[in-house]
C-alpha atoms as a PDB file:
ATOM      1  CA  MET A   1       0.858   3.608  21.813  1.00  0.00           C
ATOM      2  CA  LYS A   2       4.673   2.580  22.110  1.00  0.00           C
ATOM      3  CA  HIS A   3       7.189   4.948  21.701  1.00  0.00           C
ATOM      4  CA  PHE A   4      10.800   3.471  20.996  1.00  0.00           C
ATOM      5  CA  GLN A   5      13.914   4.831  18.493  1.00  0.00           C
ATOM      6  CA  GLY A   6      11.615   7.664  16.813  1.00  0.00           C
ATOM      7  CA  LEU A   7       9.260   5.221  16.269  1.00  0.00           C
ATOM      8  CA  ASN A   8       4.882   5.037  17.534  1.00  0.00           C
ATOM      9  CA  ILE A   9       4.169   1.854  17.788  1.00  0.00           C
ATOM     10  CA  PRO A  10       0.273   0.727  18.032  1.00  0.00           C
ATOM     11  CA  THR A  11      -0.724  -1.253  20.755  1.00  0.00           C
ATOM     12  CA  THR A  12      -4.513  -1.219  20.530  1.00  0.00           C
ATOM     13  CA  LEU A  13      -7.527  -1.098  17.908  1.00  0.00           C
ATOM     14  CA  ASP A  14      -8.057   2.902  19.242  1.00  0.00           C
ATOM     15  CA  GLU A  15      -4.671   3.959  18.451  1.00  0.00           C
ATOM     16  CA  LEU A  16      -4.403   1.548  15.254  1.00  0.00           C
ATOM     17  CA  CYS A  17      -7.769   3.487  13.759  1.00  0.00           C
ATOM     18  CA  ASP A  18      -6.312   6.370  13.397  1.00  0.00           C
ATOM     19  CA  PRO A  19      -7.471   7.538  10.031  1.00  0.00           C
ATOM     20  CA  GLU A  20      -4.185   8.695   8.632  1.00  0.00           C
ATOM     21  CA  ARG A  21      -2.658   5.544   9.213  1.00  0.00           C
ATOM     22  CA  THR A  22      -5.070   3.114   8.491  1.00  0.00           C
ATOM     23  CA  VAL A  23      -7.254   2.551   5.287  1.00  0.00           C
ATOM     24  CA  LEU A  24     -10.146   0.521   4.259  1.00  0.00           C
ATOM     25  CA  LEU A  25     -10.026  -1.810   1.893  1.00  0.00           C
ATOM     26  CA  VAL A  26     -13.245  -2.882   0.242  1.00  0.00           C
ATOM     27  CA  TYR A  27     -12.474  -6.627  -0.906  1.00  0.00           C
ATOM     28  CA  ASP A  28     -13.715  -7.378  -4.631  1.00  0.00           C
ATOM     29  CA  MET A  29     -17.820  -6.708  -3.601  1.00  0.00           C
ATOM     30  CA  GLN A  30     -18.854  -6.797  -7.151  1.00  0.00           C
ATOM     31  CA  ALA A  31     -22.561  -7.404  -8.324  1.00  0.00           C
ATOM     32  CA  GLY A  32     -21.428 -10.624  -9.654  1.00  0.00           C
ATOM     33  CA  ILE A  33     -19.592 -11.786  -6.811  1.00  0.00           C
ATOM     34  CA  CYS A  34     -22.190 -10.877  -4.215  1.00  0.00           C
ATOM     35  CA  SER A  35     -25.001 -12.460  -5.978  1.00  0.00           C
ATOM     36  CA  GLN A  36     -23.192 -15.773  -5.456  1.00  0.00           C
ATOM     37  CA  ILE A  37     -23.106 -16.340  -2.117  1.00  0.00           C
ATOM     38  CA  ALA A  38     -26.088 -16.974  -0.157  1.00  0.00           C
ATOM     39  CA  ASP A  39     -25.793 -14.522   2.542  1.00  0.00           C
ATOM     40  CA  GLY A  40     -24.576 -11.643   0.444  1.00  0.00           C
ATOM     41  CA  LYS A  41     -27.297  -9.048   1.034  1.00  0.00           C
ATOM     42  CA  ALA A  42     -26.131  -9.491   4.845  1.00  0.00           C
ATOM     43  CA  ILE A  43     -22.404  -8.973   4.003  1.00  0.00           C
ATOM     44  CA  VAL A  44     -23.306  -6.065   1.721  1.00  0.00           C
ATOM     45  CA  GLU A  45     -25.621  -4.425   4.684  1.00  0.00           C
ATOM     46  CA  GLN A  46     -22.499  -4.981   6.910  1.00  0.00           C
ATOM     47  CA  VAL A  47     -19.948  -3.401   4.847  1.00  0.00           C
ATOM     48  CA  ALA A  48     -21.577  -0.729   4.161  1.00  0.00           C
ATOM     49  CA  LYS A  49     -21.995   0.335   7.953  1.00  0.00           C
ATOM     50  CA  VAL A  50     -18.192  -0.185   7.669  1.00  0.00           C
ATOM     51  CA  VAL A  51     -17.647   2.274   4.827  1.00  0.00           C
ATOM     52  CA  ALA A  52     -19.840   4.623   6.666  1.00  0.00           C
ATOM     53  CA  ALA A  53     -18.150   4.400   9.860  1.00  0.00           C
ATOM     54  CA  ALA A  54     -14.668   5.069   7.729  1.00  0.00           C
ATOM     55  CA  ARG A  55     -16.318   8.179   5.621  1.00  0.00           C
ATOM     56  CA  SER A  56     -17.852   9.582   8.682  1.00  0.00           C
ATOM     57  CA  ARG A  57     -14.169  10.003   9.728  1.00  0.00           C
ATOM     58  CA  GLY A  58     -12.001  10.785   6.656  1.00  0.00           C
ATOM     59  CA  MET A  59     -10.402   7.266   6.409  1.00  0.00           C
ATOM     60  CA  ARG A  60      -8.968   6.325   3.403  1.00  0.00           C
ATOM     61  CA  ILE A  61     -11.055   3.771   1.137  1.00  0.00           C
ATOM     62  CA  VAL A  62      -9.943   1.770  -1.364  1.00  0.00           C
ATOM     63  CA  PHE A  63     -11.743  -1.014  -3.620  1.00  0.00           C
ATOM     64  CA  THR A  64     -10.661  -3.973  -5.083  1.00  0.00           C
ATOM     65  CA  ARG A  65     -12.554  -5.502  -8.198  1.00  0.00           C
ATOM     66  CA  HIS A  66     -11.524  -9.283  -9.997  1.00  0.00           C
ATOM     67  CA  LEU A  67     -10.741  -9.089 -13.327  1.00  0.00           C
ATOM     68  CA  SER A  68     -11.467 -11.588 -16.061  1.00  0.00           C
ATOM     69  CA  LEU A  69      -9.685 -11.814 -19.208  1.00  0.00           C
ATOM     70  CA  PRO A  70     -11.061 -12.293 -22.786  1.00  0.00           C
ATOM     71  CA  LYS A  71     -10.527 -16.381 -23.462  1.00  0.00           C
ATOM     72  CA  THR A  72      -8.093 -15.373 -25.445  1.00  0.00           C
ATOM     73  CA  TRP A  73      -5.538 -14.093 -22.705  1.00  0.00           C
ATOM     74  CA  MET A  74      -6.862 -17.028 -20.223  1.00  0.00           C
ATOM     75  CA  GLY A  75      -3.490 -18.938 -19.593  1.00  0.00           C
ATOM     76  CA  VAL A  76      -3.196 -22.126 -17.757  1.00  0.00           C
ATOM     77  CA  VAL A  77      -4.070 -20.657 -14.462  1.00  0.00           C
ATOM     78  CA  GLN A  78      -6.997 -18.444 -15.225  1.00  0.00           C
ATOM     79  CA  LEU A  79      -8.449 -21.373 -17.070  1.00  0.00           C
ATOM     80  CA  ARG A  80      -7.942 -24.123 -14.438  1.00  0.00           C
ATOM     81  CA  MET A  81      -9.753 -21.055 -11.920  1.00  0.00           C
ATOM     82  CA  ALA A  82     -12.331 -20.635 -13.611  1.00  0.00           C
ATOM     83  CA  MET A  83     -12.919 -24.530 -14.810  1.00  0.00           C
ATOM     84  CA  SER A  84     -12.643 -24.643 -11.016  1.00  0.00           C
ATOM     85  CA  TRP A  85     -15.447 -21.882  -9.935  1.00  0.00           C
ATOM     86  CA  GLN A  86     -17.766 -22.647 -12.787  1.00  0.00           C
ATOM     87  CA  LYS A  87     -17.668 -26.551 -12.693  1.00  0.00           C
ATOM     88  CA  LYS A  88     -16.393 -27.070 -15.865  1.00  0.00           C
ATOM     89  CA  ALA A  89     -14.931 -30.205 -17.356  1.00  0.00           C
ATOM     90  CA  GLU A  90     -12.962 -28.617 -20.380  1.00  0.00           C
ATOM     91  CA  PRO A  91     -11.964 -25.139 -20.583  1.00  0.00           C
ATOM     92  CA  HIS A  92     -13.433 -24.560 -23.577  1.00  0.00           C
ATOM     93  CA  GLU A  93     -16.719 -24.304 -21.325  1.00  0.00           C
ATOM     94  CA  VAL A  94     -15.316 -21.410 -19.313  1.00  0.00           C
ATOM     95  CA  THR A  95     -16.962 -18.255 -19.709  1.00  0.00           C
ATOM     96  CA  PRO A  96     -15.066 -14.958 -17.901  1.00  0.00           C
ATOM     97  CA  TRP A  97     -17.429 -13.770 -15.786  1.00  0.00           C
ATOM     98  CA  PHE A  98     -16.078 -10.811 -14.857  1.00  0.00           C
ATOM     99  CA  LEU A  99     -15.168  -8.943 -18.155  1.00  0.00           C
ATOM    100  CA  ARG A 100     -14.040  -5.202 -17.710  1.00  0.00           C
ATOM    101  CA  ASP A 101     -17.582  -2.816 -18.016  1.00  0.00           C
ATOM    102  CA  THR A 102     -19.491  -5.274 -17.770  1.00  0.00           C
ATOM    103  CA  PRO A 103     -22.772  -5.418 -15.250  1.00  0.00           C
ATOM    104  CA  ALA A 104     -21.124  -8.193 -13.044  1.00  0.00           C
ATOM    105  CA  PHE A 105     -18.097  -6.447 -12.846  1.00  0.00           C
ATOM    106  CA  GLN A 106     -18.985  -3.649 -10.940  1.00  0.00           C
ATOM    107  CA  ILE A 107     -19.120  -2.633  -7.599  1.00  0.00           C
ATOM    108  CA  THR A 108     -22.747  -3.427  -6.391  1.00  0.00           C
ATOM    109  CA  PRO A 109     -24.687  -0.301  -5.943  1.00  0.00           C
ATOM    110  CA  GLU A 110     -25.167   0.129  -2.340  1.00  0.00           C
ATOM    111  CA  LEU A 111     -21.248   0.723  -2.022  1.00  0.00           C
ATOM    112  CA  ALA A 112     -20.620   2.532  -4.939  1.00  0.00           C
ATOM    113  CA  PRO A 113     -16.912   4.234  -4.774  1.00  0.00           C
ATOM    114  CA  GLN A 114     -16.816   7.824  -4.475  1.00  0.00           C
ATOM    115  CA  PRO A 115     -14.531  10.033  -6.046  1.00  0.00           C
ATOM    116  CA  GLU A 116     -12.434  10.077  -3.136  1.00  0.00           C
ATOM    117  CA  ASP A 117     -12.058   6.673  -2.900  1.00  0.00           C
ATOM    118  CA  ALA A 118      -9.213   4.519  -4.604  1.00  0.00           C
ATOM    119  CA  VAL A 119     -10.155   1.697  -7.176  1.00  0.00           C
ATOM    120  CA  PHE A 120      -7.639  -1.283  -7.995  1.00  0.00           C
ATOM    121  CA  ASP A 121      -8.538  -3.948 -10.878  1.00  0.00           C
ATOM    122  CA  LYS A 122      -6.581  -7.269 -10.156  1.00  0.00           C
ATOM    123  CA  LEU A 123      -6.406 -10.716 -11.496  1.00  0.00           C
ATOM    124  CA  ALA A 124      -4.706 -12.314  -8.248  1.00  0.00           C
ATOM    125  CA  MET A 125      -5.946 -13.414  -5.186  1.00  0.00           C
ATOM    126  CA  SER A 126      -4.190 -11.344  -2.909  1.00  0.00           C
ATOM    127  CA  ALA A 127      -4.982  -7.127  -3.290  1.00  0.00           C
ATOM    128  CA  PHE A 128      -1.042  -6.412  -3.434  1.00  0.00           C
ATOM    129  CA  GLU A 129      -0.159  -8.867  -5.881  1.00  0.00           C
ATOM    130  CA  GLY A 130      -0.025  -6.731  -9.486  1.00  0.00           C
ATOM    131  CA  THR A 131      -1.469  -3.472  -8.308  1.00  0.00           C
ATOM    132  CA  PRO A 132      -0.231   0.024  -6.901  1.00  0.00           C
ATOM    133  CA  LEU A 133      -1.903  -1.101  -3.717  1.00  0.00           C
ATOM    134  CA  THR A 134       1.310  -0.938  -1.857  1.00  0.00           C
ATOM    135  CA  THR A 135       3.347   1.927  -3.327  1.00  0.00           C
ATOM    136  CA  ALA A 136       0.184   3.860  -2.814  1.00  0.00           C
ATOM    137  CA  LEU A 137      -0.221   2.893   1.098  1.00  0.00           C
ATOM    138  CA  SER A 138       3.391   3.380   1.434  1.00  0.00           C
ATOM    139  CA  ASP A 139       3.448   6.724  -0.148  1.00  0.00           C
ATOM    140  CA  CYS A 140       0.314   7.967   2.282  1.00  0.00           C
ATOM    141  CA  GLY A 141       2.339   6.805   5.608  1.00  0.00           C
ATOM    142  CA  ILE A 142      -0.025   3.833   6.153  1.00  0.00           C
ATOM    143  CA  VAL A 143       0.473   1.180   8.470  1.00  0.00           C
ATOM    144  CA  GLY A 144      -2.614  -0.734   9.392  1.00  0.00           C
ATOM    145  CA  ILE A 145      -5.606  -2.032   7.027  1.00  0.00           C
ATOM    146  CA  ALA A 146      -8.982  -2.735   8.095  1.00  0.00           C
ATOM    147  CA  ILE A 147     -10.407  -5.780   5.430  1.00  0.00           C
ATOM    148  CA  ALA A 148     -14.367  -6.208   4.706  1.00  0.00           C
ATOM    149  CA  GLY A 149     -15.695  -8.016   1.744  1.00  0.00           C
ATOM    150  CA  ILE A 150     -15.595 -11.184   0.131  1.00  0.00           C
ATOM    151  CA  ALA A 151     -14.828 -14.044   0.198  1.00  0.00           C
ATOM    152  CA  MET A 152     -12.714 -15.039   3.345  1.00  0.00           C
ATOM    153  CA  GLU A 153     -10.861 -18.007   2.278  1.00  0.00           C
ATOM    154  CA  ILE A 154     -10.730 -16.956  -1.254  1.00  0.00           C
ATOM    155  CA  GLY A 155      -9.181 -13.631  -0.955  1.00  0.00           C
ATOM    156  CA  ILE A 156      -9.148 -12.110   1.950  1.00  0.00           C
ATOM    157  CA  GLU A 157      -7.148 -13.909   4.128  1.00  0.00           C
ATOM    158  CA  PRO A 158      -4.099 -14.206   1.553  1.00  0.00           C
ATOM    159  CA  THR A 159      -4.951 -10.326   1.235  1.00  0.00           C
ATOM    160  CA  ALA A 160      -4.483 -10.203   5.236  1.00  0.00           C
ATOM    161  CA  ARG A 161      -1.083 -12.710   4.957  1.00  0.00           C
ATOM    162  CA  HIS A 162       0.488 -10.369   2.573  1.00  0.00           C
ATOM    163  CA  ALA A 163      -0.329  -7.121   4.244  1.00  0.00           C
ATOM    164  CA  VAL A 164       1.968  -8.788   7.072  1.00  0.00           C
ATOM    165  CA  ASP A 165       5.084  -9.785   4.399  1.00  0.00           C
ATOM    166  CA  LEU A 166       4.923  -6.128   3.181  1.00  0.00           C
ATOM    167  CA  GLY A 167       5.107  -4.458   6.792  1.00  0.00           C
ATOM    168  CA  PHE A 168       1.372  -3.793   7.451  1.00  0.00           C
ATOM    169  CA  ILE A 169      -1.069  -4.663  10.065  1.00  0.00           C
ATOM    170  CA  PRO A 170      -4.216  -6.083   8.722  1.00  0.00           C
ATOM    171  CA  ILE A 171      -7.726  -5.952  10.887  1.00  0.00           C
ATOM    172  CA  VAL A 172     -10.085  -8.625   9.307  1.00  0.00           C
ATOM    173  CA  ILE A 173     -13.802  -7.356  10.070  1.00  0.00           C
ATOM    174  CA  ALA A 174     -14.791 -10.510  10.614  1.00  0.00           C
ATOM    175  CA  ASP A 175     -19.117  -9.620  10.723  1.00  0.00           C
ATOM    176  CA  ALA A 176     -17.735  -7.836   7.309  1.00  0.00           C
ATOM    177  CA  CYS A 177     -16.081 -10.913   5.192  1.00  0.00           C
ATOM    178  CA  GLY A 178     -18.396 -13.233   3.581  1.00  0.00           C
ATOM    179  CA  ALA A 179     -17.396 -16.859   2.627  1.00  0.00           C
ATOM    180  CA  GLY A 180     -17.445 -18.324  -0.384  1.00  0.00           C
ATOM    181  CA  HIS A 181     -18.564 -21.779   1.053  1.00  0.00           C
ATOM    182  CA  LYS A 182     -20.341 -21.217   4.293  1.00  0.00           C
ATOM    183  CA  GLY A 183     -20.649 -24.581   5.106  1.00  0.00           C
ATOM    184  CA  ARG A 184     -16.870 -25.933   5.193  1.00  0.00           C
ATOM    185  CA  CYS A 185     -15.330 -22.658   6.028  1.00  0.00           C
ATOM    186  CA  ARG A 186     -16.267 -20.199   9.026  1.00  0.00           C
ATOM    187  CA  PRO A 187     -14.702 -16.368   8.487  1.00  0.00           C
ATOM    188  CA  LEU A 188     -13.991 -16.829  12.170  1.00  0.00           C
ATOM    189  CA  ASP A 189     -12.166 -19.739  11.854  1.00  0.00           C
ATOM    190  CA  ARG A 190      -9.895 -18.871   8.850  1.00  0.00           C
ATOM    191  CA  ILE A 191      -8.859 -16.030  11.023  1.00  0.00           C
ATOM    192  CA  ALA A 192      -8.461 -17.407  14.537  1.00  0.00           C
ATOM    193  CA  ALA A 193      -6.266 -20.176  12.241  1.00  0.00           C
ATOM    194  CA  LEU A 194      -4.696 -16.899  10.773  1.00  0.00           C
ATOM    195  CA  ARG A 195      -3.605 -15.672  13.934  1.00  0.00           C
ATOM    196  CA  ARG A 196      -1.787 -18.731  15.235  1.00  0.00           C
ATOM    197  CA  ARG A 197      -0.370 -18.866  12.162  1.00  0.00           C
ATOM    198  CA  CYS A 198       1.559 -14.880  12.643  1.00  0.00           C
ATOM    199  CA  ARG A 199       1.913 -15.972  16.447  1.00  0.00           C
ATOM    200  CA  HIS A 200       3.712 -19.395  15.359  1.00  0.00           C
ATOM    201  CA  HIS A 201       5.988 -17.626  12.792  1.00  0.00           C
ATOM    202  CA  ARG A 202       6.469 -13.903  14.342  1.00  0.00           C
ATOM    203  CA  CYS A 203       5.855 -11.970  11.461  1.00  0.00           C
ATOM    204  CA  GLY A 204       3.702  -9.400  12.884  1.00  0.00           C
ATOM    205  CA  ASP A 205       0.494  -8.561  14.257  1.00  0.00           C
ATOM    206  CA  LEU A 206      -3.813  -9.683  12.763  1.00  0.00           C
ATOM    207  CA  ARG A 207      -6.300  -7.891  14.693  1.00  0.00           C
ATOM    208  CA  ALA A 208      -9.830  -9.557  13.723  1.00  0.00           C
ATOM    209  CA  GLN A 209     -12.951  -7.245  14.919  1.00  0.00           C
ATOM    210  CA  ASP A 210     -16.350  -6.989  14.419  1.00  0.00           C
ATOM    211  CA  ALA A 211     -17.929  -4.032  12.492  1.00  0.00           C
ATOM    212  CA  ALA A 212     -19.279  -2.214  16.025  1.00  0.00           C
ATOM    213  CA  GLY A 213     -15.650  -2.545  16.785  1.00  0.00           C
ATOM    214  CA  LEU A 214     -14.522  -0.976  14.125  1.00  0.00           C
ATOM    215  CA  GLY A 215     -17.274   1.925  14.483  1.00  0.00           C
ATOM    216  CA  ILE A 216     -16.543   2.731  18.055  1.00  0.00           C
ATOM    217  CA  ALA A 217     -12.973   2.709  17.655  1.00  0.00           C
ATOM    218  CA  LEU A 218     -12.800   5.314  15.236  1.00  0.00           C
ATOM    219  CA  LEU A 219     -15.429   7.177  17.057  1.00  0.00           C
ATOM    220  CA  ALA A 220     -12.869   6.973  20.290  1.00  0.00           C
ATOM    221  CA  THR A 221      -9.765   7.879  17.567  1.00  0.00           C
ATOM    222  CA  ARG A 222      -8.448  11.806  17.526  1.00  0.00           C
ATOM    223  CA  PRO A 223      -7.129  13.179  14.451  1.00  0.00           C
ATOM    224  CA  ALA A 224      -2.548  12.885  14.998  1.00  0.00           C
ATOM    225  CA  ARG A 225      -1.100  15.354  13.336  1.00  0.00           C
ATOM    226  CA  ILE A 226       1.318  13.738  10.809  1.00  0.00           C
ATOM    227  CA  ARG A 227       5.040  14.096  11.591  1.00  0.00           C
ATOM    228  CA  MET A 228       7.915  13.888   9.248  1.00  0.00           C
ATOM    229  CA  GLU A 229       9.729  11.521  11.676  1.00  0.00           C
ATOM    230  CA  GLU A 230       7.195   9.028  12.031  1.00  0.00           C
ATOM    231  CA  THR A 231       7.767   5.867  10.489  1.00  0.00           C
ATOM    232  CA  ARG A 232       6.730   2.246  11.330  1.00  0.00           C
ATOM    233  CA  SER A 233       8.691  -0.820  12.079  1.00  0.00           C
ATOM    234  CA  LEU A 234       7.059  -4.357  11.930  1.00  0.00           C
ATOM    235  CA  SER A 235       9.012  -7.668  11.272  1.00  0.00           C
ATOM    236  CA  PRO A 236       7.970  -9.334   7.949  1.00  0.00           C
ATOM    237  CA  CYS A 237       8.457 -12.797   7.117  1.00  0.00           C
ATOM    238  CA  GLY A 238       7.845 -15.140   4.684  1.00  0.00           C
ATOM    239  CA  THR A 239       4.545 -16.517   4.077  1.00  0.00           C
ATOM    240  CA  PRO A 240       4.311 -20.169   4.887  1.00  0.00           C
ATOM    241  CA  ARG A 241       3.052 -22.851   3.117  1.00  0.00           C
ATOM    242  CA  GLU A 242      -0.859 -22.702   2.382  1.00  0.00           C
ATOM    243  CA  GLU A 243      -2.320 -24.960   5.376  1.00  0.00           C
ATOM    244  CA  ARG A 244      -5.451 -27.089   3.550  1.00  0.00           C
ATOM    245  CA  GLU A 245      -6.620 -27.853   6.811  1.00  0.00           C
ATOM    246  CA  THR A 246      -7.367 -23.631   7.755  1.00  0.00           C
ATOM    247  CA  HIS A 247     -11.023 -24.078   7.328  1.00  0.00           C
ATOM    248  CA  ARG A 248     -11.463 -26.640  10.523  1.00  0.00           C
ATOM    249  CA  GLN A 249     -12.481 -25.139  13.768  1.00  0.00           C
ATOM    250  CA  ALA A 250      -9.871 -23.219  15.584  1.00  0.00           C
ATOM    251  CA  GLY A 251      -9.153 -23.221  19.464  1.00  0.00           C
ATOM    252  CA  SER A 252     -10.140 -19.389  19.622  1.00  0.00           C
ATOM    253  CA  GLY A 253     -12.326 -17.197  18.524  1.00  0.00           C
ATOM    254  CA  ALA A 254     -11.524 -13.766  17.163  1.00  0.00           C
ATOM    255  CA  ALA A 255     -10.709 -10.943  19.817  1.00  0.00           C
ATOM    256  CA  VAL A 256     -13.741  -8.576  19.868  1.00  0.00           C
ATOM    257  CA  CYS A 257     -14.012  -5.444  21.298  1.00  0.00           C
ATOM    258  CA  ARG A 258     -16.567  -4.842  23.999  1.00  0.00           C
ATOM    259  CA  ASP A 259     -17.377  -1.812  26.219  1.00  0.00           C
ATOM    260  CA  GLY A 260     -16.770  -1.327  29.640  1.00  0.00           C
ATOM    261  CA  ASN A 261     -19.762  -3.062  31.156  1.00  0.00           C
ATOM    262  CA  GLY A 262     -18.413  -5.971  29.444  1.00  0.00           C
ATOM    263  CA  GLY A 263     -21.339  -5.642  26.577  1.00  0.00           C
ATOM    264  CA  LYS A 264     -20.574  -5.623  23.095  1.00  0.00           C
ATOM    265  CA  ALA A 265     -19.611  -2.308  21.938  1.00  0.00           C
ATOM    266  CA  SER A 266     -22.525  -0.225  20.039  1.00  0.00           C
ATOM    267  CA  ALA A 267     -21.765   0.783  16.073  1.00  0.00           C
ATOM    268  CA  THR A 268     -24.467   3.489  16.782  1.00  0.00           C
ATOM    269  CA  ALA A 269     -22.490   5.112  19.592  1.00  0.00           C
ATOM    270  CA  THR A 270     -21.848   8.882  19.980  1.00  0.00           C
ATOM    271  CA  ALA A 271     -19.197   9.454  22.434  1.00  0.00           C
ATOM    272  CA  ALA A 272     -15.817   7.387  23.618  1.00  0.00           C
ATOM    273  CA  ARG A 273     -16.173   4.181  25.905  1.00  0.00           C
ATOM    274  CA  PRO A 274     -13.483   2.292  26.989  1.00  0.00           C
ATOM    275  CA  ILE A 275     -12.485  -0.120  24.691  1.00  0.00           C
ATOM    276  CA  SER A 276     -10.710  -3.585  25.581  1.00  0.00           C
ATOM    277  CA  ILE A 277      -9.593  -5.753  23.079  1.00  0.00           C
ATOM    278  CA  GLU A 278      -8.590  -9.656  24.281  1.00  0.00           C
ATOM    279  CA  PRO A 279      -5.095 -10.699  24.077  1.00  0.00           C
ATOM    280  CA  MET A 280      -3.906 -12.268  20.293  1.00  0.00           C
END
């Protein structure tokens, strides 16, 4: 941890994974979305591991749900999106897939939110747009936001970018993020491209980890006392224009937590081990 001008600046994953300063965002793990991707069941299992690790350390957890409006309230953007997703040629042919209180709208039963969790509904791709998420995180003194869910190229990547712009440090949990177009978009490729963009624009930080790495970092983290003088200082920047080729294979992979022997860290570890994080 670096200290400067009264600020506590985390520089490693285990420093960032303080349950009092980082939250877990479970992105759109709804029954109607998980069933649409080929490896939906595997992603549910991975996200469940991450949720269990977060709960074991008392980390705050927030769920998002994508909401469809009735057709009378579907405007130009909503109709175009629905036509694209449903492969329909005419607007009148689309069906609102995620109407409130329908089975497809609900979080998949394996990940059912608990009373202490927050659940925010949204129309946009970014989890911050049109929801109270920014206010809630800032009010709780949150610095980092770990993200898992579906889909990487549709909503997780925009959310990670938006987080940096708002002054939060995103942690993308690579093997707990599903992709809507698996053949054309590999999550690690998207993460690597996003890391390069963050570095190029000097707009903050992005940590890419796997579920095991996050779990061991949480085990290694000691609860910290919240001090009134604690604050944060990150450098937001304008979100760059969407790059149309971020799905192409990147030159570098995501950072991976490894134990002291050079192997991957175990999610079932019961004691803290030395963790090294490859440079961003």
